[in-house]
Amino acid sequence: MMQKRLKIAKRILADDGVLITTIDDNEYAHLWILLHEIFPNLTHTCITIQHNPGGTQGKKFSVTHEYAIFSYSSESTIFRKQHTGGDVYNLRRWGSTSGRYEGATCFYPVILDSNYNIIGFGDLLDEELHPTAQVEYNADGTIYVWPIDKNGIEKKWRYGRDTVESVKDRMFIEKRGNRIEIILRRESEPPKTVWTDPLYNAEAHGTDMLKTIIGGGFSYPKSLYAVHDALLFAVSGKKNALIVDFFAGSGTTLHAVNLLNVEDNGNRRCILVTNNEVSDAESKALREQGYQPGDPEWEKHGICRSVTWPRIKYSILGKRDDGTILSGEYYTNQTVSKEVERSFYQLGFIDNPTELTTNAKKQLVSLLRGKDGKSQLPQSLVKADSKFIVSDKHSATILFDVNAVNEWLEALEDQDHITDFYIVVKSAATFKEIKAQVSNLLGPMNVTLQVKRPMSDGFPANVEYFKLGFLDKNSVSLGQQFREILPLLWLKSGAIGRRPEINSDEEPDMLILPQNGFAVLVDETKYAEFAKKISEVNNIKVVYFVTNSEEAFREMTDGIKIKNTYQLYRDYIDNFVLGSRRDS
């Protein structure tokens, strides 16, 4: 079954597309060989995801992981992931060397559009000229933001005009009263091959989440966020991507696509393909009650009817059919910046700080702990002559000797990542004075917090449910055949707008559906009328001609100015028969 589906996937995978397959240890080796056999020209990269930190109970090993294999070509893009937490920095400089005239190439406007999107950067301002305000609103709708602090003092940006373009993608804005701050996030990074985020826990964010949504369980659903991030690396830069999941299971992929779309205003579409399989236990129980596959009582227990469909429906609406509002929240990849003060600690229990020995300083450093209980500074940083410790790699600093405060302040210049300051001094007044000097030098911190979305908000999405069955072309009229295949034409045309329907078994001469982006000529003798009508509308992107003649198809195609045209054989169902002339 896996081999057959992968061969079909090869036919529909775009040249710049990415195939993602997830698997556990039981089938990993077989799948790895199949992928290399079926997709010999693709690169295959295996990701290990810790989805069960507690581990499964095995006789010799406790398994905590599964695999996701990314298969991609040289034309594919693997997108980077933006950081969603941790420190961010104001683009404007702080400190003693942050003035406008101490950076000749660092005083220029950041330009926003009327929707507050950063669209570019202005020219350097002549030294004798001064902005009228930190934020200037221009007649053309653009907004200029200048590096001016809250006290009205002209400062400078961290980047010169010749280099700031390189960090534009890392910038976002924060409105604070009548001010606009330009915030700089850490650089994005390529995906690693081992994923260990707590959000990937399949029990908490798979099983438990599914119970929250549908009120029942399902065996081994994947974490929503593991699937979300896998898709993120494949389609985050493709807001109109089409994702097909042909092992849909509980519907996690469509759920993740909806979350992705709401995060970046995307219009990605997702097609789920699944069966309505009943579990072995339920199958046995149903047979004992006299039910067989196809019976309504049997079908309602299938995975699609009982799990996949209600999960998608309830998650989009934000509530169940009985009116129960979904509780809980989604973690998004959106962030909000918050300005917080740095933390200062007075270590006033030491009588003679200047007489501290090297060992005493190491012991003191060993006592410094963060909120997570972990050591903040390694003792190895303490040297025989250390009067203070400042490190690019650690978020804490300590001043052992207040007589070296000026050297310490100089070392702290631009060390925006430092959050905790320890000052060894008995005098509270001296402590407050040094604290004020550090605050003036570095200013407050900007931290990013991950935005959450209430499940009750649902998603701005639509979904259609199709049951794929078998239709005997000899037992139905051509008109009924056309009615049955119309949803497939809508899907092939991009699934734009509400799905069109015709209620009659009578064939229409033509269908022109600008709201759906496609048109169908059923009676080719009406071609002239059809061509005139579609020339009068602007939204037709796809045209279907019903004709058994390939020559007539080419002639009709040549007569209209639409790129995407398709021939449908008069016996409609033949167009969808595997192995037929239309399946070549």
Protein backbone atom coordinates (compact mmCIF):
# COMPACT_ATOMS: atom_id res chain seq x y z
CA MET A 1 0.00 0.00 0.00
CA MET A 2 2.81 2.40 0.87
CA GLN A 3 4.60 1.76 -2.43
CA LYS A 4 1.46 2.38 -4.51
CA ARG A 5 0.71 5.67 -2.78
CA LEU A 6 4.29 6.89 -3.12
CA LYS A 7 4.21 6.19 -6.85
CA ILE A 8 1.06 8.28 -7.17
CA ALA A 9 2.69 10.99 -5.04
CA LYS A 10 5.58 11.11 -7.50
CA ARG A 11 3.15 12.03 -10.29
CA ILE A 12 1.67 14.98 -8.42
CA LEU A 13 4.72 16.31 -6.55
CA ALA A 14 5.70 19.72 -7.95
CA ASP A 15 9.25 20.23 -9.19
CA ASP A 16 9.88 22.58 -6.26
CA GLY A 17 7.70 20.61 -3.86
CA VAL A 18 8.67 18.71 -0.73
CA LEU A 19 7.51 15.22 0.27
CA ILE A 20 7.33 14.63 4.03
CA THR A 21 6.80 11.14 5.39
CA THR A 22 6.65 10.27 9.07
CA ILE A 23 7.35 6.79 10.35
CA ASP A 24 8.44 4.87 13.42
CA ASP A 25 11.27 2.38 13.85
CA ASN A 26 9.17 -0.57 12.68
CA GLU A 27 8.88 0.61 9.06
CA TYR A 28 11.69 3.15 8.83
CA ALA A 29 14.23 0.93 7.01
CA HIS A 30 11.63 -0.23 4.46
CA LEU A 31 10.43 3.32 3.81
CA TRP A 32 13.99 4.64 3.42
CA ILE A 33 14.68 2.07 0.68
CA LEU A 34 11.35 2.78 -1.05
CA LEU A 35 11.98 6.52 -1.13
CA HIS A 36 15.39 6.05 -2.73
CA GLU A 37 13.96 3.63 -5.29
CA ILE A 38 10.94 5.73 -6.26
CA PHE A 39 12.60 9.16 -5.94
CA PRO A 40 16.23 8.52 -6.97
CA ASN A 41 16.79 12.14 -8.01
CA LEU A 42 15.66 13.67 -4.73
CA THR A 43 17.68 14.36 -1.60
CA HIS A 44 16.32 12.59 1.47
CA THR A 45 17.00 13.98 4.95
CA CYS A 46 15.85 12.17 8.07
CA ILE A 47 14.67 14.21 11.08
CA THR A 48 14.40 12.63 14.53
CA ILE A 49 11.50 13.98 16.59
CA GLN A 50 11.23 13.33 20.31
CA HIS A 51 7.47 12.90 20.47
CA ASN A 52 7.22 10.79 23.61
CA PRO A 53 9.66 12.02 26.29
CA GLY A 54 8.41 9.45 28.78
CA GLY A 55 9.26 6.63 26.37
CA THR A 56 7.46 3.41 25.54
CA GLN A 57 7.97 0.47 27.82
CA GLY A 58 10.34 -1.90 26.06
CA LYS A 59 12.29 -4.86 27.32
CA LYS A 60 15.67 -3.30 26.59
CA PHE A 61 15.14 0.27 25.35
CA SER A 62 12.49 2.93 25.93
CA VAL A 63 11.66 4.52 22.58
CA THR A 64 11.04 8.27 22.70
CA HIS A 65 11.17 9.26 19.04
CA GLU A 66 9.77 8.95 15.53
CA TYR A 67 11.13 10.07 12.17
CA ALA A 68 10.14 12.62 9.54
CA ILE A 69 11.86 12.19 6.18
CA PHE A 70 12.05 15.27 3.96
CA SER A 71 12.49 14.49 0.24
CA TYR A 72 13.28 17.47 -1.98
CA SER A 73 14.95 18.54 -5.21
CA SER A 74 17.49 21.24 -6.01
CA GLU A 75 14.55 23.49 -6.92
CA SER A 76 12.90 23.06 -3.52
CA THR A 77 13.26 25.58 -0.71
CA ILE A 78 13.60 24.54 2.91
CA PHE A 79 12.54 27.63 4.81
CA ARG A 80 14.01 28.88 8.05
CA LYS A 81 12.16 29.20 11.32
CA GLN A 82 11.84 32.51 13.12
CA HIS A 83 12.59 32.56 16.83
CA THR A 84 9.45 32.79 18.96
CA GLY A 85 10.98 33.67 22.30
CA GLY A 86 14.01 35.04 24.07
CA ASP A 87 15.69 38.41 23.82
CA VAL A 88 15.09 40.92 21.07
CA TYR A 89 16.74 44.28 20.65
CA ASN A 90 15.67 47.82 19.89
CA LEU A 91 17.21 48.92 16.61
CA ARG A 92 18.03 52.19 18.34
CA ARG A 93 21.30 52.33 20.28
CA TRP A 94 21.56 52.93 24.03
CA GLY A 95 24.52 54.03 26.12
CA SER A 96 27.28 56.58 26.22
CA THR A 97 28.29 56.16 22.56
CA SER A 98 24.76 56.02 21.16
CA GLY A 99 24.40 59.67 20.12
CA ARG A 100 23.59 60.72 16.57
CA TYR A 101 26.95 62.30 15.88
CA GLU A 102 28.89 59.24 17.07
CA GLY A 103 27.63 57.29 14.05
CA ALA A 104 27.83 59.29 10.87
CA THR A 105 26.02 56.66 8.77
CA CYS A 106 23.43 55.61 11.38
CA PHE A 107 20.88 58.48 11.35
CA TYR A 108 18.18 57.89 8.72
CA PRO A 109 14.45 57.10 8.75
CA VAL A 110 12.95 53.62 8.77
CA ILE A 111 10.02 53.89 6.33
CA LEU A 112 6.64 52.24 7.02
CA ASP A 113 3.55 52.11 4.82
CA SER A 114 0.10 53.18 6.02
CA ASN A 115 -0.44 49.67 7.45
CA TYR A 116 2.73 49.97 9.53
CA ASN A 117 4.72 47.49 7.46
CA ILE A 118 8.44 48.20 7.14
CA ILE A 119 8.99 48.92 3.45
CA GLY A 120 12.44 50.50 3.33
CA PHE A 121 14.93 53.02 4.64
CA GLY A 122 15.49 56.68 3.80
CA ASP A 123 18.67 58.59 3.07
CA LEU A 124 21.09 59.86 5.70
CA LEU A 125 19.96 63.21 7.10
CA ASP A 126 22.31 66.17 6.76
CA GLU A 127 23.92 67.03 10.09
CA GLU A 128 22.34 70.48 10.29
CA LEU A 129 18.81 69.10 9.78
CA HIS A 130 16.57 67.61 12.48
CA PRO A 131 13.34 65.57 12.35
CA THR A 132 10.21 67.25 13.68
CA ALA A 133 9.33 64.19 15.80
CA GLN A 134 10.28 60.58 16.45
CA VAL A 135 7.41 59.54 14.15
CA GLU A 136 6.61 61.65 11.07
CA TYR A 137 3.44 61.05 9.01
CA ASN A 138 3.85 62.08 5.37
CA ALA A 139 1.28 63.24 2.82
CA ASP A 140 1.90 60.18 0.61
CA GLY A 141 0.85 57.83 3.44
CA THR A 142 4.34 56.73 4.41
CA ILE A 143 5.61 56.98 7.97
CA TYR A 144 9.18 57.89 8.97
CA VAL A 145 10.56 56.52 12.24
CA TRP A 146 13.74 58.15 13.55
CA PRO A 147 16.21 56.95 16.23
CA ILE A 148 15.06 59.43 18.87
CA ASP A 149 14.65 58.32 22.48
CA LYS A 150 11.84 59.09 24.93
CA ASN A 151 13.64 62.23 26.10
CA GLY A 152 13.75 63.62 22.56
CA ILE A 153 17.50 63.01 22.22
CA GLU A 154 18.73 62.09 18.76
CA LYS A 155 20.43 58.70 18.88
CA LYS A 156 21.66 56.33 16.17
CA TRP A 157 20.55 52.98 14.75
CA ARG A 158 22.60 49.85 15.38
CA TYR A 159 23.23 49.43 11.64
CA GLY A 160 24.64 51.89 9.14
CA ARG A 161 22.62 52.85 6.09
CA ASP A 162 24.76 50.62 3.88
CA THR A 163 24.15 47.46 5.97
CA VAL A 164 20.64 47.83 7.44
CA GLU A 165 18.97 46.25 4.38
CA SER A 166 20.51 42.90 5.33
CA VAL A 167 18.49 42.72 8.57
CA LYS A 168 15.16 44.08 7.31
CA ASP A 169 13.51 40.64 7.46
CA ARG A 170 14.30 40.43 11.18
CA MET A 171 12.56 43.69 12.04
CA PHE A 172 9.08 44.32 13.36
CA ILE A 173 7.42 47.34 14.93
CA GLU A 174 5.86 47.98 18.33
CA LYS A 175 3.44 50.87 18.90
CA ARG A 176 3.91 52.39 22.34
CA GLY A 177 1.67 55.38 22.86
CA ASN A 178 2.58 57.99 20.27
CA ARG A 179 5.91 56.29 19.63
CA ILE A 180 6.89 53.50 17.26
CA GLU A 181 9.81 51.29 18.23
CA ILE A 182 11.72 49.26 15.65
CA ILE A 183 12.55 45.90 17.18
CA LEU A 184 15.14 43.45 15.91
CA ARG A 185 14.70 39.72 16.51
CA ARG A 186 17.47 37.16 16.52
CA GLU A 187 18.43 35.71 13.18
CA SER A 188 16.34 32.82 11.89
CA GLU A 189 18.00 29.44 11.63
CA PRO A 190 17.77 26.39 9.38
CA PRO A 191 15.94 23.37 10.80
CA LYS A 192 18.04 20.96 12.82
CA THR A 193 17.90 17.20 12.34
CA VAL A 194 16.88 16.48 15.95
CA TRP A 195 13.72 18.14 17.32
CA THR A 196 13.13 18.18 21.09
CA ASP A 197 10.61 20.97 21.74
CA PRO A 198 8.04 20.17 24.47
CA LEU A 199 5.37 21.17 21.95
CA TYR A 200 6.17 18.02 19.98
CA ASN A 201 4.87 15.82 22.81
CA ALA A 202 2.27 13.64 21.09
CA GLU A 203 0.38 12.92 24.30
CA ALA A 204 -0.10 16.54 25.41
CA HIS A 205 -0.51 18.12 21.98
CA GLY A 206 -1.90 15.14 20.09
CA THR A 207 -4.00 12.81 22.25
CA ASP A 208 -5.08 15.37 24.85
CA MET A 209 -5.77 18.07 22.26
CA LEU A 210 -7.95 15.69 20.27
CA LYS A 211 -9.93 14.87 23.41
CA THR A 212 -10.42 18.59 24.00
CA ILE A 213 -11.81 19.04 20.49
CA ILE A 214 -13.98 15.99 19.85
CA GLY A 215 -14.37 14.63 23.36
CA GLY A 216 -12.99 11.23 22.42
CA GLY A 217 -9.71 9.56 21.70
CA PHE A 218 -7.69 8.19 18.81
CA SER A 219 -4.65 5.94 18.87
CA TYR A 220 -1.38 7.84 18.52
CA PRO A 221 -2.35 11.15 16.89
CA LYS A 222 0.66 13.33 16.11
CA SER A 223 1.41 16.55 17.91
CA LEU A 224 -0.21 19.45 16.06
CA TYR A 225 2.99 21.45 16.46
CA ALA A 226 5.33 18.77 15.11
CA VAL A 227 3.23 18.67 11.92
CA HIS A 228 2.94 22.47 11.91
CA ASP A 229 6.72 22.91 12.01
CA ALA A 230 7.34 20.24 9.39
CA LEU A 231 4.96 22.10 7.07
CA LEU A 232 6.50 25.43 8.08
CA PHE A 233 9.89 24.41 6.70
CA ALA A 234 8.28 23.33 3.42
CA VAL A 235 5.67 26.03 2.72
CA SER A 236 6.14 29.04 5.03
CA GLY A 237 7.23 31.12 2.04
CA LYS A 238 4.45 29.75 -0.16
CA LYS A 239 1.20 31.27 1.03
CA ASN A 240 -0.82 29.67 -1.79
CA ALA A 241 0.69 26.19 -1.51
CA LEU A 242 -1.39 23.05 -2.01
CA ILE A 243 -0.72 20.32 0.57
CA VAL A 244 -1.93 16.75 0.02
CA ASP A 245 -1.96 14.23 2.87
CA PHE A 246 -2.73 10.74 1.57
CA PHE A 247 -2.42 9.06 5.00
CA ALA A 248 -4.68 11.57 6.74
CA GLY A 249 -5.34 9.70 9.98
CA SER A 250 -7.00 12.02 12.49
CA GLY A 251 -6.63 15.11 10.26
CA THR A 252 -3.67 16.76 11.98
CA THR A 253 -2.25 18.05 8.68
CA LEU A 254 -5.31 20.13 7.75
CA HIS A 255 -5.53 21.36 11.33
CA ALA A 256 -1.87 22.49 11.11
CA VAL A 257 -2.43 24.17 7.72
CA ASN A 258 -5.28 26.20 9.21
CA LEU A 259 -2.99 27.30 12.03
CA LEU A 260 -0.25 28.25 9.57
CA ASN A 261 -2.68 30.29 7.48
CA VAL A 262 -4.01 32.26 10.43
CA GLU A 263 -0.46 33.05 11.53
CA ASP A 264 0.66 34.67 8.28
CA ASN A 265 -2.64 35.39 6.47
CA GLY A 266 -1.90 32.56 4.04
CA ASN A 267 -4.29 30.93 1.57
CA ARG A 268 -2.80 27.46 1.57
CA ARG A 269 -5.15 24.64 0.61
CA CYS A 270 -5.08 21.12 1.95
CA ILE A 271 -6.53 17.87 0.61
CA LEU A 272 -6.90 14.97 3.03
CA VAL A 273 -7.28 11.43 1.71
CA THR A 274 -8.35 8.76 4.15
CA ASN A 275 -10.56 5.72 4.43
CA ASN A 276 -13.27 5.12 6.99
CA GLU A 277 -11.58 2.16 8.61
CA VAL A 278 -13.01 0.76 11.83
CA SER A 279 -10.64 -0.46 14.55
CA ASP A 280 -10.26 -4.21 15.10
CA ALA A 281 -12.02 -4.06 18.46
CA GLU A 282 -14.96 -2.08 17.11
CA SER A 283 -15.14 -4.28 14.01
CA LYS A 284 -15.44 -7.38 16.16
CA ALA A 285 -18.11 -5.81 18.36
CA LEU A 286 -20.13 -4.57 15.39
CA ARG A 287 -20.05 -7.97 13.66
CA GLU A 288 -21.29 -9.61 16.85
CA GLN A 289 -24.23 -7.18 16.73
CA GLY A 290 -24.96 -8.19 13.15
CA TYR A 291 -23.61 -5.11 11.36
CA GLN A 292 -21.51 -5.21 8.19
CA PRO A 293 -19.29 -2.68 6.36
CA GLY A 294 -21.53 -0.20 4.55
CA ASP A 295 -24.25 -0.25 7.21
CA PRO A 296 -24.86 3.24 8.72
CA GLU A 297 -24.15 1.93 12.22
CA TRP A 298 -20.83 0.49 11.03
CA GLU A 299 -19.77 3.56 9.04
CA LYS A 300 -20.36 6.04 11.85
CA HIS A 301 -17.62 4.32 13.86
CA GLY A 302 -15.04 4.68 11.08
CA ILE A 303 -12.03 6.93 11.59
CA CYS A 304 -13.15 9.53 9.06
CA ARG A 305 -16.73 9.85 10.34
CA SER A 306 -15.92 9.65 14.05
CA VAL A 307 -12.54 11.45 14.24
CA THR A 308 -11.21 13.21 11.14
CA TRP A 309 -14.34 15.01 10.01
CA PRO A 310 -15.56 16.18 13.45
CA ARG A 311 -12.03 17.29 14.40
CA ILE A 312 -11.75 19.50 11.32
CA LYS A 313 -15.29 20.84 11.62
CA TYR A 314 -15.11 21.60 15.34
CA SER A 315 -11.64 23.16 15.16
CA ILE A 316 -12.77 25.51 12.35
CA LEU A 317 -15.98 26.52 14.13
CA GLY A 318 -14.42 26.66 17.59
CA LYS A 319 -17.25 24.57 19.01
CA ARG A 320 -18.82 21.12 18.79
CA ASP A 321 -22.16 20.25 17.22
CA ASP A 322 -23.80 20.26 20.66
CA GLY A 323 -22.73 23.88 21.18
CA THR A 324 -19.86 23.13 23.56
CA ILE A 325 -17.24 25.87 23.16
CA LEU A 326 -13.72 24.52 22.75
CA SER A 327 -11.44 25.30 25.68
CA GLY A 328 -7.66 25.66 25.56
CA GLU A 329 -5.27 27.65 23.42
CA TYR A 330 -3.00 27.17 20.43
CA TYR A 331 0.65 28.19 20.54
CA THR A 332 1.40 30.24 17.44
CA ASN A 333 4.64 31.30 15.79
CA GLN A 334 3.59 34.91 16.23
CA THR A 335 5.31 37.00 18.88
CA VAL A 336 4.74 40.19 20.79
CA SER A 337 7.53 42.31 22.21
CA LYS A 338 7.41 43.45 25.81
CA GLU A 339 9.71 45.94 27.48
CA VAL A 340 10.95 44.73 30.88
CA GLU A 341 13.50 46.02 33.35
CA ARG A 342 16.74 44.18 33.97
CA SER A 343 17.27 42.50 37.34
CA PHE A 344 19.76 43.87 39.88
CA TYR A 345 20.90 42.11 43.05
CA GLN A 346 22.88 43.62 45.94
CA LEU A 347 25.28 41.17 47.58
CA GLY A 348 25.79 43.10 50.82
CA PHE A 349 26.75 40.27 53.16
CA ILE A 350 30.50 40.50 52.43
CA ASP A 351 32.41 42.81 54.77
CA ASN A 352 35.51 43.48 52.68
CA PRO A 353 34.78 42.78 48.98
CA THR A 354 38.23 44.02 47.91
CA GLU A 355 39.84 41.24 49.95
CA LEU A 356 37.94 38.38 48.31
CA THR A 357 40.26 35.54 47.34
CA THR A 358 40.00 33.75 44.03
CA ASN A 359 38.43 30.71 45.73
CA ALA A 360 35.95 32.93 47.56
CA LYS A 361 34.92 34.55 44.27
CA LYS A 362 34.43 31.11 42.69
CA GLN A 363 32.28 30.03 45.63
CA LEU A 364 30.25 33.20 45.29
CA VAL A 365 29.77 32.63 41.55
CA SER A 366 28.66 29.05 42.20
CA LEU A 367 25.72 30.42 44.25
CA LEU A 368 24.30 32.46 41.39
CA ARG A 369 21.24 30.71 39.98
CA GLY A 370 18.67 31.68 37.39
CA LYS A 371 14.91 31.27 37.70
CA ASP A 372 15.27 27.79 36.25
CA GLY A 373 17.66 26.84 39.05
CA LYS A 374 20.64 26.48 36.74
CA SER A 375 24.04 28.05 37.33
CA GLN A 376 24.35 31.44 35.63
CA LEU A 377 28.13 31.75 35.41
CA PRO A 378 30.85 29.05 35.28
CA GLN A 379 33.53 29.26 37.95
CA SER A 380 36.16 28.93 35.22
CA LEU A 381 35.57 32.58 34.32
CA VAL A 382 37.00 33.69 37.66
CA LYS A 383 40.70 34.58 37.39
CA ALA A 384 43.18 35.64 40.09
CA ASP A 385 42.82 39.33 39.23
CA SER A 386 39.09 39.34 38.34
CA LYS A 387 37.35 42.50 39.50
CA PHE A 388 34.23 41.64 37.56
CA ILE A 389 32.91 39.08 35.03
CA VAL A 390 31.27 40.03 31.75
CA SER A 391 30.73 37.32 29.14
CA ASP A 392 29.23 37.37 25.63
CA LYS A 393 27.91 33.87 26.25
CA HIS A 394 26.13 34.35 29.57
CA SER A 395 23.16 36.46 30.64
CA ALA A 396 24.54 37.32 34.10
CA THR A 397 27.40 39.54 35.24
CA ILE A 398 28.99 40.23 38.62
CA LEU A 399 30.98 43.19 39.95
CA PHE A 400 33.32 42.08 42.75
CA ASP A 401 35.03 45.43 43.34
CA VAL A 402 33.04 48.67 43.09
CA ASN A 403 36.29 50.57 42.62
CA ALA A 404 36.38 49.02 39.12
CA VAL A 405 32.89 50.22 38.24
CA ASN A 406 34.06 52.37 35.29
CA GLU A 407 35.94 49.42 33.74
CA TRP A 408 32.88 47.26 34.31
CA LEU A 409 30.58 49.79 32.63
CA GLU A 410 32.93 49.99 29.67
CA ALA A 411 32.89 46.20 29.35
CA LEU A 412 29.07 46.24 29.49
CA GLU A 413 28.79 48.54 26.47
CA ASP A 414 26.49 46.85 23.90
CA GLN A 415 26.04 43.74 26.08
CA ASP A 416 22.25 43.89 25.61
CA HIS A 417 21.84 40.18 26.25
CA ILE A 418 22.70 40.49 29.96
CA THR A 419 19.62 40.29 32.16
CA ASP A 420 20.96 39.80 35.71
CA PHE A 421 23.45 42.08 37.47
CA TYR A 422 25.09 41.15 40.77
CA ILE A 423 26.90 43.90 42.65
CA VAL A 424 29.06 43.10 45.70
CA VAL A 425 28.69 46.18 47.93
CA LYS A 426 27.46 46.88 51.47
CA SER A 427 26.22 50.42 50.84
CA ALA A 428 22.64 50.59 49.56
CA ALA A 429 23.26 54.10 48.23
CA THR A 430 26.27 52.94 46.19
CA PHE A 431 24.25 50.00 44.87
CA LYS A 432 21.45 52.33 43.70
CA GLU A 433 23.94 54.67 42.06
CA ILE A 434 25.63 51.85 40.10
CA LYS A 435 22.23 50.38 39.17
CA ALA A 436 21.20 53.74 37.70
CA GLN A 437 24.43 53.94 35.67
CA VAL A 438 23.87 50.47 34.20
CA SER A 439 20.19 51.23 33.44
CA ASN A 440 21.20 54.43 31.66
CA LEU A 441 23.86 52.54 29.70
CA LEU A 442 21.79 49.56 28.51
CA GLY A 443 18.21 50.67 28.98
CA PRO A 444 15.33 48.21 29.45
CA MET A 445 15.17 44.84 27.68
CA ASN A 446 12.77 43.85 24.95
CA VAL A 447 11.67 40.23 25.27
CA THR A 448 9.47 38.37 22.83
CA LEU A 449 6.54 36.34 24.07
CA GLN A 450 4.78 33.67 22.06
CA VAL A 451 1.23 34.66 21.14
CA LYS A 452 -1.53 32.17 21.95
CA ARG A 453 -4.82 31.80 20.09
CA PRO A 454 -8.01 30.60 21.84
CA MET A 455 -9.35 27.39 20.33
CA SER A 456 -12.81 28.94 20.61
CA ASP A 457 -11.82 31.48 17.93
CA GLY A 458 -11.72 28.69 15.34
CA PHE A 459 -10.22 29.42 11.93
CA PRO A 460 -11.35 31.53 8.95
CA ALA A 461 -11.49 28.49 6.69
CA ASN A 462 -13.95 26.45 4.64
CA VAL A 463 -14.00 22.70 4.21
CA GLU A 464 -15.78 20.30 1.85
CA TYR A 465 -16.33 16.63 2.59
CA PHE A 466 -16.38 14.16 -0.33
CA LYS A 467 -17.07 10.46 -0.30
CA LEU A 468 -15.27 8.83 -3.21
CA GLY A 469 -17.24 5.90 -4.54
CA PHE A 470 -17.73 3.92 -7.73
CA LEU A 471 -20.19 5.02 -10.38
CA ASP A 472 -21.42 2.66 -13.08
CA LYS A 473 -21.35 4.72 -16.26
CA ASN A 474 -23.83 2.33 -17.92
CA SER A 475 -26.49 2.93 -15.29
CA VAL A 476 -26.62 6.74 -15.29
CA SER A 477 -27.32 9.39 -17.88
CA LEU A 478 -24.67 11.70 -19.27
CA GLY A 479 -26.39 14.56 -17.47
CA GLN A 480 -26.09 12.84 -14.12
CA GLN A 481 -22.47 11.99 -14.91
CA PHE A 482 -21.77 15.67 -15.49
CA ARG A 483 -23.38 16.60 -12.20
CA GLU A 484 -21.25 14.03 -10.40
CA ILE A 485 -17.93 15.19 -11.88
CA LEU A 486 -18.59 18.93 -11.45
CA PRO A 487 -17.00 18.95 -7.95
CA LEU A 488 -13.84 17.42 -9.47
CA LEU A 489 -13.68 20.19 -12.08
CA TRP A 490 -14.04 22.73 -9.27
CA LEU A 491 -11.21 21.06 -7.36
CA LYS A 492 -8.93 20.92 -10.38
CA SER A 493 -9.60 24.62 -11.02
CA GLY A 494 -8.32 25.55 -7.58
CA ALA A 495 -11.40 25.09 -5.35
CA ILE A 496 -12.13 28.82 -5.60
CA GLY A 497 -15.35 30.13 -4.09
CA ARG A 498 -18.33 28.09 -2.98
CA ARG A 499 -18.58 24.74 -4.75
CA PRO A 500 -21.01 25.03 -7.70
CA GLU A 501 -23.97 22.69 -7.93
CA ILE A 502 -26.59 21.84 -10.55
CA ASN A 503 -29.77 20.15 -9.44
CA SER A 504 -31.02 18.83 -12.74
CA ASP A 505 -29.84 15.69 -14.55
CA GLU A 506 -30.19 17.65 -17.79
CA GLU A 507 -26.88 18.73 -19.26
CA PRO A 508 -26.40 22.50 -19.52
CA ASP A 509 -25.06 23.84 -22.83
CA MET A 510 -22.31 25.63 -20.92
CA LEU A 511 -21.32 26.79 -17.47
CA ILE A 512 -19.50 30.09 -16.96
CA LEU A 513 -18.52 30.53 -13.33
CA PRO A 514 -16.38 33.64 -12.75
CA GLN A 515 -16.87 33.28 -8.99
CA ASN A 516 -15.13 29.90 -9.27
CA GLY A 517 -12.57 30.88 -11.89
CA PHE A 518 -13.57 28.31 -14.53
CA ALA A 519 -15.95 27.61 -17.38
CA VAL A 520 -17.21 24.49 -19.19
CA LEU A 521 -18.44 24.23 -22.77
CA VAL A 522 -20.69 21.19 -22.88
CA ASP A 523 -22.24 21.64 -26.34
CA GLU A 524 -19.46 22.46 -28.78
CA THR A 525 -21.98 23.78 -31.33
CA LYS A 526 -22.44 26.71 -28.92
CA TYR A 527 -18.75 27.62 -29.13
CA ALA A 528 -19.20 31.10 -30.66
CA GLU A 529 -21.65 32.13 -27.94
CA PHE A 530 -19.40 30.60 -25.28
CA ALA A 531 -16.26 32.39 -26.52
CA LYS A 532 -18.10 35.73 -26.55
CA LYS A 533 -19.38 35.29 -23.00
CA ILE A 534 -16.04 34.34 -21.45
CA SER A 535 -14.39 37.31 -23.18
CA GLU A 536 -16.74 39.56 -21.23
CA VAL A 537 -15.63 38.35 -17.79
CA ASN A 538 -12.21 38.72 -16.18
CA ASN A 539 -11.92 35.89 -13.71
CA ILE A 540 -11.96 32.80 -15.91
CA LYS A 541 -8.57 31.08 -15.53
CA VAL A 542 -9.48 27.52 -16.56
CA VAL A 543 -11.70 26.26 -19.40
CA TYR A 544 -12.95 22.72 -20.07
CA PHE A 545 -14.13 21.68 -23.55
CA VAL A 546 -16.34 18.61 -23.82
CA THR A 547 -15.44 16.95 -27.12
CA ASN A 548 -14.15 13.61 -28.36
CA SER A 549 -12.20 15.33 -31.13
CA GLU A 550 -8.67 16.41 -30.27
CA GLU A 551 -8.60 18.53 -33.41
CA ALA A 552 -11.75 20.39 -32.32
CA PHE A 553 -10.23 20.84 -28.87
CA ARG A 554 -7.12 22.48 -30.34
CA GLU A 555 -9.17 24.77 -32.58
CA MET A 556 -11.41 25.89 -29.72
CA THR A 557 -8.39 26.46 -27.48
CA ASP A 558 -6.73 28.61 -30.15
CA GLY A 559 -9.83 30.79 -30.33
CA ILE A 560 -9.72 31.98 -26.74
CA LYS A 561 -7.02 33.77 -24.78
CA ILE A 562 -6.93 31.48 -21.78
CA LYS A 563 -3.82 29.47 -20.99
CA ASN A 564 -5.26 26.57 -19.00
CA THR A 565 -7.63 24.52 -21.14
CA TYR A 566 -8.55 20.85 -20.80
CA GLN A 567 -10.37 18.33 -22.98
CA LEU A 568 -13.14 16.24 -21.46
CA TYR A 569 -14.35 13.18 -23.31
CA ARG A 570 -18.06 13.02 -23.96
CA ASP A 571 -18.43 9.98 -21.75
CA TYR A 572 -17.43 11.92 -18.65
CA ILE A 573 -16.51 9.05 -16.40
CA ASP A 574 -13.90 7.87 -18.91
CA ASN A 575 -11.87 10.94 -17.96
CA PHE A 576 -11.32 9.45 -14.50
CA VAL A 577 -10.82 5.76 -15.27
CA LEU A 578 -7.34 4.57 -14.28
CA GLY A 579 -5.52 3.15 -17.28
CA SER A 580 -7.78 4.89 -19.78
CA ARG A 581 -6.60 7.13 -22.60
CA ARG A 582 -6.91 10.12 -20.22
CA ASP A 583 -4.61 8.46 -17.70
CA SER A 584 -1.46 8.50 -19.83
